[in-house]
Amino acid sequence: MRSNQCPVCDGSKQPGRTTFTADLGENLVVVRHVPATICEQCGEEWIANDVAKLLEEIVAKARQEHRQFEVLSLA
């Protein structure tokens, strides 16, 4: 399998951007323009480990500060 081949549908994975949402029950965090690799055929998305770590930090901070709703952008 090629490194840019989608393991779900065999389509082609390309760099792009996505929106990440975390529903924490009483809190909602939305992060727009998140760098990701996206399959052109089926739309499956992959987020790199360093970006995922940043998203985890954002969610943890929102949870700690008891924010009900937060929208951020990584662009």
N, C-alpha and C. Protein backbone atom coordinates (compact mmCIF):
# COMPACT_ATOMS: atom_id res chain seq x y z
N MET A 1 0.85 -1.19 0.00
CA MET A 1 0.00 0.00 0.00
C MET A 1 0.89 1.25 0.00
N ARG A 2 0.58 2.17 -0.87
CA ARG A 2 1.32 3.44 -0.93
C ARG A 2 1.02 4.26 0.32
N SER A 3 1.95 5.12 0.70
CA SER A 3 1.77 5.92 1.92
C SER A 3 0.63 6.93 1.78
N ASN A 4 0.30 7.32 0.56
CA ASN A 4 -0.81 8.26 0.38
C ASN A 4 -2.10 7.55 -0.04
N GLN A 5 -2.13 6.22 0.10
CA GLN A 5 -3.31 5.44 -0.25
C GLN A 5 -4.18 5.25 0.99
N CYS A 6 -5.46 5.51 0.86
CA CYS A 6 -6.41 5.37 1.96
C CYS A 6 -6.60 3.90 2.31
N PRO A 7 -6.41 3.53 3.57
CA PRO A 7 -6.62 2.13 3.96
C PRO A 7 -8.10 1.74 4.02
N VAL A 8 -8.99 2.72 3.96
CA VAL A 8 -10.43 2.45 4.02
C VAL A 8 -10.98 2.12 2.64
N CYS A 9 -10.62 2.93 1.63
CA CYS A 9 -11.24 2.76 0.31
C CYS A 9 -10.24 2.68 -0.84
N ASP A 10 -8.95 2.76 -0.54
CA ASP A 10 -7.88 2.76 -1.55
C ASP A 10 -7.81 4.05 -2.35
N GLY A 11 -8.52 5.09 -1.90
CA GLY A 11 -8.45 6.39 -2.56
C GLY A 11 -7.12 7.07 -2.25
N SER A 12 -6.98 8.29 -2.68
CA SER A 12 -5.75 9.06 -2.50
C SER A 12 -5.90 10.03 -1.33
N LYS A 13 -4.93 9.96 -0.39
CA LYS A 13 -4.92 10.89 0.75
C LYS A 13 -4.14 12.14 0.37
N GLN A 14 -4.71 13.30 0.72
CA GLN A 14 -4.08 14.57 0.40
C GLN A 14 -4.10 15.48 1.62
N PRO A 15 -3.14 16.41 1.73
CA PRO A 15 -3.17 17.38 2.83
C PRO A 15 -4.40 18.27 2.71
N GLY A 16 -4.96 18.62 3.85
CA GLY A 16 -6.12 19.50 3.87
C GLY A 16 -6.37 20.03 5.26
N ARG A 17 -7.57 20.50 5.50
CA ARG A 17 -7.95 21.03 6.80
C ARG A 17 -9.32 20.48 7.16
N THR A 18 -9.56 20.33 8.46
CA THR A 18 -10.82 19.80 8.95
C THR A 18 -11.27 20.59 10.17
N THR A 19 -12.43 20.28 10.67
CA THR A 19 -12.94 20.86 11.91
C THR A 19 -13.00 19.76 12.95
N PHE A 20 -12.41 20.03 14.11
CA PHE A 20 -12.39 19.09 15.23
C PHE A 20 -13.41 19.55 16.26
N THR A 21 -14.23 18.63 16.73
CA THR A 21 -15.24 18.94 17.74
C THR A 21 -15.11 17.98 18.90
N ALA A 22 -15.16 18.51 20.11
CA ALA A 22 -15.14 17.69 21.32
C ALA A 22 -16.35 18.06 22.16
N ASP A 23 -17.26 17.11 22.33
CA ASP A 23 -18.44 17.30 23.17
C ASP A 23 -18.11 16.74 24.55
N LEU A 24 -17.98 17.62 25.53
CA LEU A 24 -17.58 17.24 26.87
C LEU A 24 -18.77 17.13 27.81
N GLY A 25 -19.95 16.96 27.26
CA GLY A 25 -21.15 16.89 28.09
C GLY A 25 -21.74 18.27 28.29
N GLU A 26 -21.18 18.99 29.25
CA GLU A 26 -21.66 20.35 29.51
C GLU A 26 -20.86 21.39 28.74
N ASN A 27 -19.82 20.97 28.07
CA ASN A 27 -18.95 21.88 27.33
C ASN A 27 -18.84 21.39 25.89
N LEU A 28 -18.63 22.33 24.97
CA LEU A 28 -18.41 21.99 23.57
C LEU A 28 -17.23 22.81 23.06
N VAL A 29 -16.26 22.12 22.48
CA VAL A 29 -15.08 22.78 21.93
C VAL A 29 -15.05 22.50 20.43
N VAL A 30 -14.91 23.54 19.63
CA VAL A 30 -14.82 23.41 18.18
C VAL A 30 -13.53 24.10 17.74
N VAL A 31 -12.70 23.37 17.02
CA VAL A 31 -11.45 23.94 16.49
C VAL A 31 -11.50 23.80 14.98
N ARG A 32 -11.49 24.94 14.30
CA ARG A 32 -11.59 24.97 12.84
C ARG A 32 -10.21 25.03 12.21
N HIS A 33 -10.13 24.67 10.95
CA HIS A 33 -8.91 24.76 10.14
C HIS A 33 -7.78 23.92 10.71
N VAL A 34 -8.09 22.73 11.19
CA VAL A 34 -7.10 21.81 11.74
C VAL A 34 -6.39 21.09 10.59
N PRO A 35 -5.05 21.16 10.54
CA PRO A 35 -4.34 20.43 9.49
C PRO A 35 -4.60 18.93 9.60
N ALA A 36 -4.87 18.31 8.47
CA ALA A 36 -5.17 16.88 8.46
C ALA A 36 -4.82 16.31 7.09
N THR A 37 -4.80 15.00 7.03
CA THR A 37 -4.69 14.30 5.76
C THR A 37 -6.08 13.73 5.49
N ILE A 38 -6.61 14.00 4.30
CA ILE A 38 -7.99 13.65 3.99
C ILE A 38 -8.05 12.84 2.70
N CYS A 39 -8.82 11.76 2.72
CA CYS A 39 -9.01 10.96 1.52
C CYS A 39 -9.92 11.71 0.56
N GLU A 40 -9.46 11.85 -0.68
CA GLU A 40 -10.26 12.54 -1.69
C GLU A 40 -11.51 11.76 -2.08
N GLN A 41 -11.50 10.46 -1.86
CA GLN A 41 -12.61 9.62 -2.30
C GLN A 41 -13.68 9.45 -1.21
N CYS A 42 -13.28 9.03 -0.01
CA CYS A 42 -14.28 8.72 1.02
C CYS A 42 -14.37 9.78 2.13
N GLY A 43 -13.41 10.70 2.18
CA GLY A 43 -13.45 11.77 3.17
C GLY A 43 -12.89 11.40 4.53
N GLU A 44 -12.37 10.19 4.69
CA GLU A 44 -11.74 9.80 5.96
C GLU A 44 -10.60 10.77 6.28
N GLU A 45 -10.43 11.08 7.57
CA GLU A 45 -9.45 12.10 7.98
C GLU A 45 -8.46 11.52 8.98
N TRP A 46 -7.21 11.99 8.89
CA TRP A 46 -6.17 11.63 9.84
C TRP A 46 -5.50 12.91 10.32
N ILE A 47 -5.29 12.99 11.62
CA ILE A 47 -4.63 14.13 12.24
C ILE A 47 -3.29 13.66 12.78
N ALA A 48 -2.22 14.39 12.48
CA ALA A 48 -0.88 14.03 12.93
C ALA A 48 -0.80 14.08 14.46
N ASN A 49 0.12 13.30 15.00
CA ASN A 49 0.26 13.19 16.46
C ASN A 49 0.52 14.53 17.13
N ASP A 50 1.36 15.38 16.54
CA ASP A 50 1.66 16.68 17.17
C ASP A 50 0.42 17.57 17.18
N VAL A 51 -0.39 17.51 16.15
CA VAL A 51 -1.62 18.30 16.10
C VAL A 51 -2.63 17.73 17.10
N ALA A 52 -2.72 16.40 17.19
CA ALA A 52 -3.62 15.76 18.15
C ALA A 52 -3.25 16.16 19.58
N LYS A 53 -1.97 16.24 19.87
CA LYS A 53 -1.51 16.65 21.21
C LYS A 53 -1.97 18.08 21.50
N LEU A 54 -1.84 18.96 20.52
CA LEU A 54 -2.30 20.35 20.70
C LEU A 54 -3.81 20.38 20.94
N LEU A 55 -4.56 19.59 20.20
CA LEU A 55 -6.01 19.54 20.41
C LEU A 55 -6.35 19.02 21.81
N GLU A 56 -5.62 18.02 22.29
CA GLU A 56 -5.83 17.51 23.64
C GLU A 56 -5.59 18.60 24.68
N GLU A 57 -4.57 19.42 24.48
CA GLU A 57 -4.27 20.52 25.40
C GLU A 57 -5.39 21.56 25.38
N ILE A 58 -5.90 21.87 24.20
CA ILE A 58 -6.99 22.84 24.07
C ILE A 58 -8.23 22.34 24.81
N VAL A 59 -8.56 21.07 24.62
CA VAL A 59 -9.74 20.48 25.27
C VAL A 59 -9.55 20.45 26.79
N ALA A 60 -8.36 20.08 27.25
CA ALA A 60 -8.09 20.03 28.69
C ALA A 60 -8.23 21.41 29.32
N LYS A 61 -7.74 22.43 28.63
CA LYS A 61 -7.84 23.80 29.16
C LYS A 61 -9.29 24.25 29.22
N ALA A 62 -10.06 23.96 28.17
CA ALA A 62 -11.48 24.33 28.16
C ALA A 62 -12.23 23.62 29.28
N ARG A 63 -11.91 22.36 29.51
CA ARG A 63 -12.55 21.59 30.59
C ARG A 63 -12.18 22.19 31.95
N GLN A 64 -10.91 22.52 32.12
CA GLN A 64 -10.43 23.07 33.38
C GLN A 64 -11.06 24.43 33.68
N GLU A 65 -11.27 25.23 32.65
CA GLU A 65 -11.82 26.58 32.82
C GLU A 65 -13.35 26.59 32.73
N HIS A 66 -13.96 25.40 32.60
CA HIS A 66 -15.42 25.24 32.59
C HIS A 66 -16.10 26.10 31.53
N ARG A 67 -15.47 26.20 30.37
CA ARG A 67 -16.08 26.96 29.28
C ARG A 67 -17.20 26.14 28.67
N GLN A 68 -18.37 26.75 28.52
CA GLN A 68 -19.51 26.02 27.95
C GLN A 68 -19.34 25.81 26.45
N PHE A 69 -18.86 26.83 25.75
CA PHE A 69 -18.74 26.75 24.31
C PHE A 69 -17.52 27.56 23.89
N GLU A 70 -16.68 26.95 23.07
CA GLU A 70 -15.48 27.65 22.62
C GLU A 70 -15.20 27.26 21.17
N VAL A 71 -14.94 28.28 20.34
CA VAL A 71 -14.59 28.05 18.95
C VAL A 71 -13.22 28.68 18.71
N LEU A 72 -12.29 27.88 18.23
CA LEU A 72 -10.94 28.35 17.94
C LEU A 72 -10.59 28.02 16.50
N SER A 73 -9.49 28.58 16.01
CA SER A 73 -9.02 28.27 14.68
C SER A 73 -7.50 28.09 14.72
N LEU A 74 -7.00 27.09 14.01
CA LEU A 74 -5.56 26.88 13.92
C LEU A 74 -4.97 27.51 12.67
N ALA A 75 -5.77 28.26 11.92
CA ALA A 75 -5.27 28.90 10.70
C ALA A 75 -4.51 30.15 11.02
